[in-house]
C-alpha atoms as a PDB file:
ATOM      1  CA  MET A   1     -11.441   8.818 -50.362  1.00  0.00           C
ATOM      2  CA  THR A   2     -10.238  10.680 -47.277  1.00  0.00           C
ATOM      3  CA  GLU A   3      -7.626   9.214 -44.961  1.00  0.00           C
ATOM      4  CA  ASP A   4     -10.164   8.865 -42.114  1.00  0.00           C
ATOM      5  CA  ARG A   5     -12.584   6.891 -44.311  1.00  0.00           C
ATOM      6  CA  LEU A   6      -9.788   4.681 -45.579  1.00  0.00           C
ATOM      7  CA  LEU A   7      -8.654   4.014 -42.013  1.00  0.00           C
ATOM      8  CA  ALA A   8     -12.246   3.278 -40.935  1.00  0.00           C
ATOM      9  CA  ARG A   9     -12.713   0.819 -43.823  1.00  0.00           C
ATOM     10  CA  THR A  10      -9.376  -0.850 -43.021  1.00  0.00           C
ATOM     11  CA  MET A  11     -10.368  -1.161 -39.347  1.00  0.00           C
ATOM     12  CA  GLN A  12     -13.711  -2.759 -40.297  1.00  0.00           C
ATOM     13  CA  ASN A  13     -11.790  -5.547 -42.026  1.00  0.00           C
ATOM     14  CA  ALA A  14      -9.118  -5.793 -39.319  1.00  0.00           C
ATOM     15  CA  SER A  15      -8.962  -8.402 -36.620  1.00  0.00           C
ATOM     16  CA  PRO A  16     -10.605  -7.626 -33.280  1.00  0.00           C
ATOM     17  CA  THR A  17      -7.130  -7.249 -31.757  1.00  0.00           C
ATOM     18  CA  LEU A  18      -6.106  -4.611 -34.293  1.00  0.00           C
ATOM     19  CA  ARG A  19      -9.410  -2.768 -33.859  1.00  0.00           C
ATOM     20  CA  ASN A  20      -8.923  -2.769 -30.078  1.00  0.00           C
ATOM     21  CA  ILE A  21      -5.340  -1.546 -30.390  1.00  0.00           C
ATOM     22  CA  ALA A  22      -6.463   1.252 -32.723  1.00  0.00           C
ATOM     23  CA  ALA A  23      -9.255   2.262 -30.340  1.00  0.00           C
ATOM     24  CA  ILE A  24      -6.919   2.305 -27.335  1.00  0.00           C
ATOM     25  CA  CYS A  25      -4.280   4.275 -29.247  1.00  0.00           C
ATOM     26  CA  GLU A  26      -6.948   6.802 -30.243  1.00  0.00           C
ATOM     27  CA  LEU A  27      -8.025   7.172 -26.593  1.00  0.00           C
ATOM     28  CA  GLU A  28      -4.406   7.675 -25.519  1.00  0.00           C
ATOM     29  CA  LYS A  29      -3.813  10.298 -28.234  1.00  0.00           C
ATOM     30  CA  LYS A  30      -6.940  12.200 -27.184  1.00  0.00           C
ATOM     31  CA  SER A  31      -5.932  12.018 -23.528  1.00  0.00           C
ATOM     32  CA  LEU A  32      -2.468  13.407 -24.306  1.00  0.00           C
ATOM     33  CA  ALA A  33      -3.938  16.133 -26.520  1.00  0.00           C
ATOM     34  CA  ARG A  34      -6.339  17.264 -23.751  1.00  0.00           C
ATOM     35  CA  ARG A  35      -3.521  18.045 -21.325  1.00  0.00           C
ATOM     36  CA  SER A  36      -3.081  21.666 -20.358  1.00  0.00           C
ATOM     37  CA  LEU A  37       0.074  23.551 -21.296  1.00  0.00           C
ATOM     38  CA  SER A  38       1.349  23.321 -17.713  1.00  0.00           C
ATOM     39  CA  ALA A  39       0.731  19.538 -17.697  1.00  0.00           C
ATOM     40  CA  ARG A  40       2.640  19.162 -20.986  1.00  0.00           C
ATOM     41  CA  ILE A  41       5.554  21.177 -19.626  1.00  0.00           C
ATOM     42  CA  GLY A  42       5.531  19.235 -16.345  1.00  0.00           C
ATOM     43  CA  ASP A  43       5.432  15.885 -18.157  1.00  0.00           C
ATOM     44  CA  SER A  44       8.285  16.941 -20.424  1.00  0.00           C
ATOM     45  CA  ILE A  45      10.447  18.079 -17.504  1.00  0.00           C
ATOM     46  CA  ALA A  46       9.666  14.938 -15.493  1.00  0.00           C
ATOM     47  CA  THR A  47      10.494  12.755 -18.506  1.00  0.00           C
ATOM     48  CA  HIS A  48      13.812  14.476 -19.204  1.00  0.00           C
ATOM     49  CA  ALA A  49      14.800  14.556 -15.521  1.00  0.00           C
ATOM     50  CA  GLY A  50      14.627  10.764 -15.483  1.00  0.00           C
ATOM     51  CA  ARG A  51      17.119  10.254 -18.302  1.00  0.00           C
ATOM     52  CA  MET A  52      20.816   9.426 -18.065  1.00  0.00           C
ATOM     53  CA  TRP A  53      21.934  12.552 -19.917  1.00  0.00           C
ATOM     54  CA  PHE A  54      20.322  14.642 -17.154  1.00  0.00           C
ATOM     55  CA  ILE A  55      22.465  12.892 -14.531  1.00  0.00           C
ATOM     56  CA  ILE A  56      25.628  13.279 -16.614  1.00  0.00           C
ATOM     57  CA  VAL A  57      24.993  17.001 -17.211  1.00  0.00           C
ATOM     58  CA  HIS A  58      24.522  17.503 -13.470  1.00  0.00           C
ATOM     59  CA  ALA A  59      27.652  15.540 -12.573  1.00  0.00           C
ATOM     60  CA  VAL A  60      29.702  17.631 -15.020  1.00  0.00           C
ATOM     61  CA  TRP A  61      28.054  20.845 -13.806  1.00  0.00           C
ATOM     62  CA  PHE A  62      28.832  20.051 -10.146  1.00  0.00           C
ATOM     63  CA  ALA A  63      32.411  19.035 -10.947  1.00  0.00           C
ATOM     64  CA  VAL A  64      33.068  22.223 -12.931  1.00  0.00           C
ATOM     65  CA  TRP A  65      31.398  24.427 -10.296  1.00  0.00           C
ATOM     66  CA  ILE A  66      33.385  22.861  -7.455  1.00  0.00           C
ATOM     67  CA  GLY A  67      36.589  22.867  -9.509  1.00  0.00           C
ATOM     68  CA  ILE A  68      36.281  26.569 -10.325  1.00  0.00           C
ATOM     69  CA  ASN A  69      35.524  27.478  -6.719  1.00  0.00           C
ATOM     70  CA  MET A  70      38.311  25.473  -5.053  1.00  0.00           C
ATOM     71  CA  ARG A  71      41.412  27.307  -3.881  1.00  0.00           C
ATOM     72  CA  GLY A  72      44.507  26.987  -5.979  1.00  0.00           C
ATOM     73  CA  THR A  73      42.813  26.825  -9.382  1.00  0.00           C
ATOM     74  CA  GLY A  74      43.919  30.346 -10.308  1.00  0.00           C
ATOM     75  CA  ILE A  75      40.333  31.372 -11.057  1.00  0.00           C
ATOM     76  CA  ALA A  76      38.544  33.798  -8.762  1.00  0.00           C
ATOM     77  CA  ALA A  77      36.028  31.818  -6.689  1.00  0.00           C
ATOM     78  CA  PHE A  78      32.507  33.204  -6.915  1.00  0.00           C
ATOM     79  CA  ASP A  79      31.066  30.558  -4.539  1.00  0.00           C
ATOM     80  CA  PRO A  80      33.814  29.458  -2.108  1.00  0.00           C
ATOM     81  CA  PHE A  81      33.605  26.303  -0.004  1.00  0.00           C
ATOM     82  CA  PRO A  82      31.104  25.188   1.404  1.00  0.00           C
ATOM     83  CA  PHE A  83      29.394  26.399  -1.816  1.00  0.00           C
ATOM     84  CA  PRO A  84      26.307  28.136  -0.381  1.00  0.00           C
ATOM     85  CA  PHE A  85      25.120  29.401  -3.770  1.00  0.00           C
ATOM     86  CA  LEU A  86      25.420  25.919  -5.333  1.00  0.00           C
ATOM     87  CA  THR A  87      23.511  24.491  -2.381  1.00  0.00           C
ATOM     88  CA  MET A  88      20.725  27.023  -2.859  1.00  0.00           C
ATOM     89  CA  VAL A  89      20.500  26.421  -6.635  1.00  0.00           C
ATOM     90  CA  VAL A  90      20.428  22.648  -6.217  1.00  0.00           C
ATOM     91  CA  SER A  91      17.827  22.917  -3.450  1.00  0.00           C
ATOM     92  CA  LEU A  92      15.566  25.082  -5.601  1.00  0.00           C
ATOM     93  CA  GLU A  93      16.006  22.730  -8.546  1.00  0.00           C
ATOM     94  CA  SER A  94      15.102  19.778  -6.312  1.00  0.00           C
ATOM     95  CA  ILE A  95      11.962  21.501  -5.086  1.00  0.00           C
ATOM     96  CA  PHE A  96      10.764  22.307  -8.589  1.00  0.00           C
ATOM     97  CA  LEU A  97      11.690  18.885  -9.993  1.00  0.00           C
ATOM     98  CA  SER A  98       9.762  17.244  -7.154  1.00  0.00           C
ATOM     99  CA  LEU A  99       6.718  19.379  -7.924  1.00  0.00           C
ATOM    100  CA  PHE A 100       6.868  18.600 -11.651  1.00  0.00           C
ATOM    101  CA  ILE A 101       7.222  14.888 -10.937  1.00  0.00           C
ATOM    102  CA  LEU A 102       4.283  14.953  -8.492  1.00  0.00           C
ATOM    103  CA  MET A 103       2.194  16.811 -11.054  1.00  0.00           C
ATOM    104  CA  SER A 104       3.046  14.208 -13.701  1.00  0.00           C
ATOM    105  CA  GLN A 105       2.323  11.328 -11.306  1.00  0.00           C
ATOM    106  CA  ASN A 106      -1.047  12.828 -10.363  1.00  0.00           C
ATOM    107  CA  ARG A 107      -2.022  13.007 -14.017  1.00  0.00           C
ATOM    108  CA  SER A 108      -0.784   9.455 -14.575  1.00  0.00           C
ATOM    109  CA  GLY A 109      -2.778   8.299 -11.553  1.00  0.00           C
ATOM    110  CA  LEU A 110      -5.973   9.863 -12.908  1.00  0.00           C
ATOM    111  CA  GLN A 111      -5.356   8.235 -16.266  1.00  0.00           C
ATOM    112  CA  ALA A 112      -4.755   4.866 -14.581  1.00  0.00           C
ATOM    113  CA  ASP A 113      -8.032   5.268 -12.661  1.00  0.00           C
ATOM    114  CA  GLN A 114      -9.864   5.915 -15.933  1.00  0.00           C
ATOM    115  CA  ARG A 115      -8.300   2.807 -17.477  1.00  0.00           C
ATOM    116  CA  ASN A 116      -9.282   0.756 -14.419  1.00  0.00           C
ATOM    117  CA  HIS A 117     -12.880   1.937 -14.736  1.00  0.00           C
ATOM    118  CA  LEU A 118     -12.860   1.009 -18.421  1.00  0.00           C
ATOM    119  CA  ASP A 119     -11.415  -2.428 -17.560  1.00  0.00           C
ATOM    120  CA  LEU A 120     -14.080  -2.952 -14.924  1.00  0.00           C
ATOM    121  CA  GLN A 121     -16.901  -2.038 -17.304  1.00  0.00           C
ATOM    122  CA  ILE A 122     -15.551  -4.328 -20.031  1.00  0.00           C
ATOM    123  CA  ASN A 123     -15.111  -7.163 -17.536  1.00  0.00           C
ATOM    124  CA  LEU A 124     -18.669  -6.743 -16.262  1.00  0.00           C
ATOM    125  CA  LEU A 125     -20.012  -6.717 -19.823  1.00  0.00           C
ATOM    126  CA  SER A 126     -17.982  -9.839 -20.607  1.00  0.00           C
ATOM    127  CA  GLU A 127     -19.340 -11.522 -17.494  1.00  0.00           C
ATOM    128  CA  ASP A 128     -22.915 -10.772 -18.565  1.00  0.00           C
ATOM    129  CA  GLU A 129     -22.244 -12.022 -22.093  1.00  0.00           C
ATOM    130  CA  ASN A 130     -20.611 -15.224 -20.853  1.00  0.00           C
ATOM    131  CA  THR A 131     -23.480 -15.865 -18.448  1.00  0.00           C
ATOM    132  CA  LYS A 132     -25.997 -15.493 -21.284  1.00  0.00           C
ATOM    133  CA  MET A 133     -23.995 -17.859 -23.493  1.00  0.00           C
ATOM    134  CA  LEU A 134     -23.833 -20.442 -20.696  1.00  0.00           C
ATOM    135  CA  GLN A 135     -27.582 -20.144 -20.183  1.00  0.00           C
ATOM    136  CA  MET A 136     -28.172 -20.675 -23.906  1.00  0.00           C
ATOM    137  CA  LEU A 137     -25.822 -23.674 -24.007  1.00  0.00           C
ATOM    138  CA  GLN A 138     -27.426 -25.119 -20.903  1.00  0.00           C
ATOM    139  CA  ALA A 139     -30.882 -24.734 -22.472  1.00  0.00           C
ATOM    140  CA  LEU A 140     -29.670 -26.497 -25.625  1.00  0.00           C
ATOM    141  CA  CYS A 141     -28.167 -29.329 -23.583  1.00  0.00           C
ATOM    142  CA  GLU A 142     -31.374 -29.713 -21.559  1.00  0.00           C
ATOM    143  CA  TYR A 143     -33.493 -29.647 -24.720  1.00  0.00           C
ATOM    144  CA  HIS A 144     -31.372 -32.417 -26.229  1.00  0.00           C
ATOM    145  CA  LYS A 145     -31.467 -34.249 -22.899  1.00  0.00           C
ATOM    146  CA  LEU A 146     -27.708 -34.230 -22.506  1.00  0.00           C
ATOM    147  CA  LYS A 147     -26.525 -35.153 -19.043  1.00  0.00           C
ATOM    148  CA  ILE A 148     -24.236 -32.121 -18.791  1.00  0.00           C
ATOM    149  CA  GLY A 149     -27.268 -29.838 -19.042  1.00  0.00           C
ATOM    150  CA  SER A 150     -28.191 -30.660 -15.458  1.00  0.00           C
ATOM    151  CA  ASP A 151     -24.668 -30.376 -14.045  1.00  0.00           C
ATOM    152  CA  PRO A 152     -24.932 -28.340 -10.785  1.00  0.00           C
ATOM    153  CA  GLU A 153     -21.608 -26.587 -11.434  1.00  0.00           C
ATOM    154  CA  ILE A 154     -22.810 -25.348 -14.824  1.00  0.00           C
ATOM    155  CA  LYS A 155     -26.116 -24.267 -13.280  1.00  0.00           C
ATOM    156  CA  ALA A 156     -24.161 -22.233 -10.706  1.00  0.00           C
ATOM    157  CA  MET A 157     -21.965 -20.713 -13.411  1.00  0.00           C
ATOM    158  CA  ALA A 158     -25.031 -19.828 -15.511  1.00  0.00           C
ATOM    159  CA  ARG A 159     -26.435 -17.630 -12.723  1.00  0.00           C
ATOM    160  CA  ARG A 160     -25.773 -13.917 -13.042  1.00  0.00           C
ATOM    161  CA  THR A 161     -22.799 -12.752 -10.985  1.00  0.00           C
ATOM    162  CA  GLU A 162     -23.902 -10.096  -8.530  1.00  0.00           C
ATOM    163  CA  VAL A 163     -21.131  -7.540  -8.069  1.00  0.00           C
ATOM    164  CA  LYS A 164     -22.341  -6.528  -4.593  1.00  0.00           C
ATOM    165  CA  GLU A 165     -22.184 -10.157  -3.432  1.00  0.00           C
ATOM    166  CA  VAL A 166     -18.628 -10.514  -4.727  1.00  0.00           C
ATOM    167  CA  LEU A 167     -17.599  -7.282  -2.992  1.00  0.00           C
ATOM    168  CA  THR A 168     -19.178  -8.431   0.269  1.00  0.00           C
ATOM    169  CA  GLU A 169     -17.334 -11.765   0.061  1.00  0.00           C
ATOM    170  CA  LEU A 170     -14.059  -9.968  -0.621  1.00  0.00           C
ATOM    171  CA  GLU A 171     -14.557  -7.645   2.330  1.00  0.00           C
ATOM    172  CA  HIS A 172     -15.256 -10.591   4.645  1.00  0.00           C
ATOM    173  CA  ASN A 173     -12.410 -12.779   3.401  1.00  0.00           C
ATOM    174  CA  LEU A 174      -9.513 -10.490   2.501  1.00  0.00           C
ATOM    175  CA  PRO A 175      -7.100  -9.840   5.364  1.00  0.00           C
ATOM    176  CA  SER A 176      -7.670  -6.469   6.962  1.00  0.00           C
ATOM    177  CA  GLN A 177      -4.983  -3.832   6.641  1.00  0.00           C
ATOM    178  CA  VAL A 178      -3.731  -2.811  10.032  1.00  0.00           C
END
């Protein structure tokens, strides 16, 4: 039996939580695999630039550079005070790091938008399913002449939620951004 079939059979017997985790992990793996080479490079640079070792390497680099180029060290200064070459190198590095970070954030933002759309669709499906279940329970309660079957709150909850109505209510009631 192949590994994929074994995994599929294991997932069939797994809890809903484990199946969901596996499905989400698979989506994430596919999303990462679809990135272009430039996106992979940008993400890698942005990730490493945010680590402590990156800061330490830069602190040591600046200290050595300044130390070598200060008068009285006995070493010929190649970039004397006020260190114009160091300033240019650091400025260029800052520009490129900023661009790589923006590129990585843009990709992360698109991925977050996709996840939000998925969440919305699942929530809307869940809302429809819950409404149907409430309608079925209400019908059973009414059939058995249970008092709760005619509860006005349950009747209101058993009505389908109209997304456009909810959006309209939100627009009218949320504070406006000035």
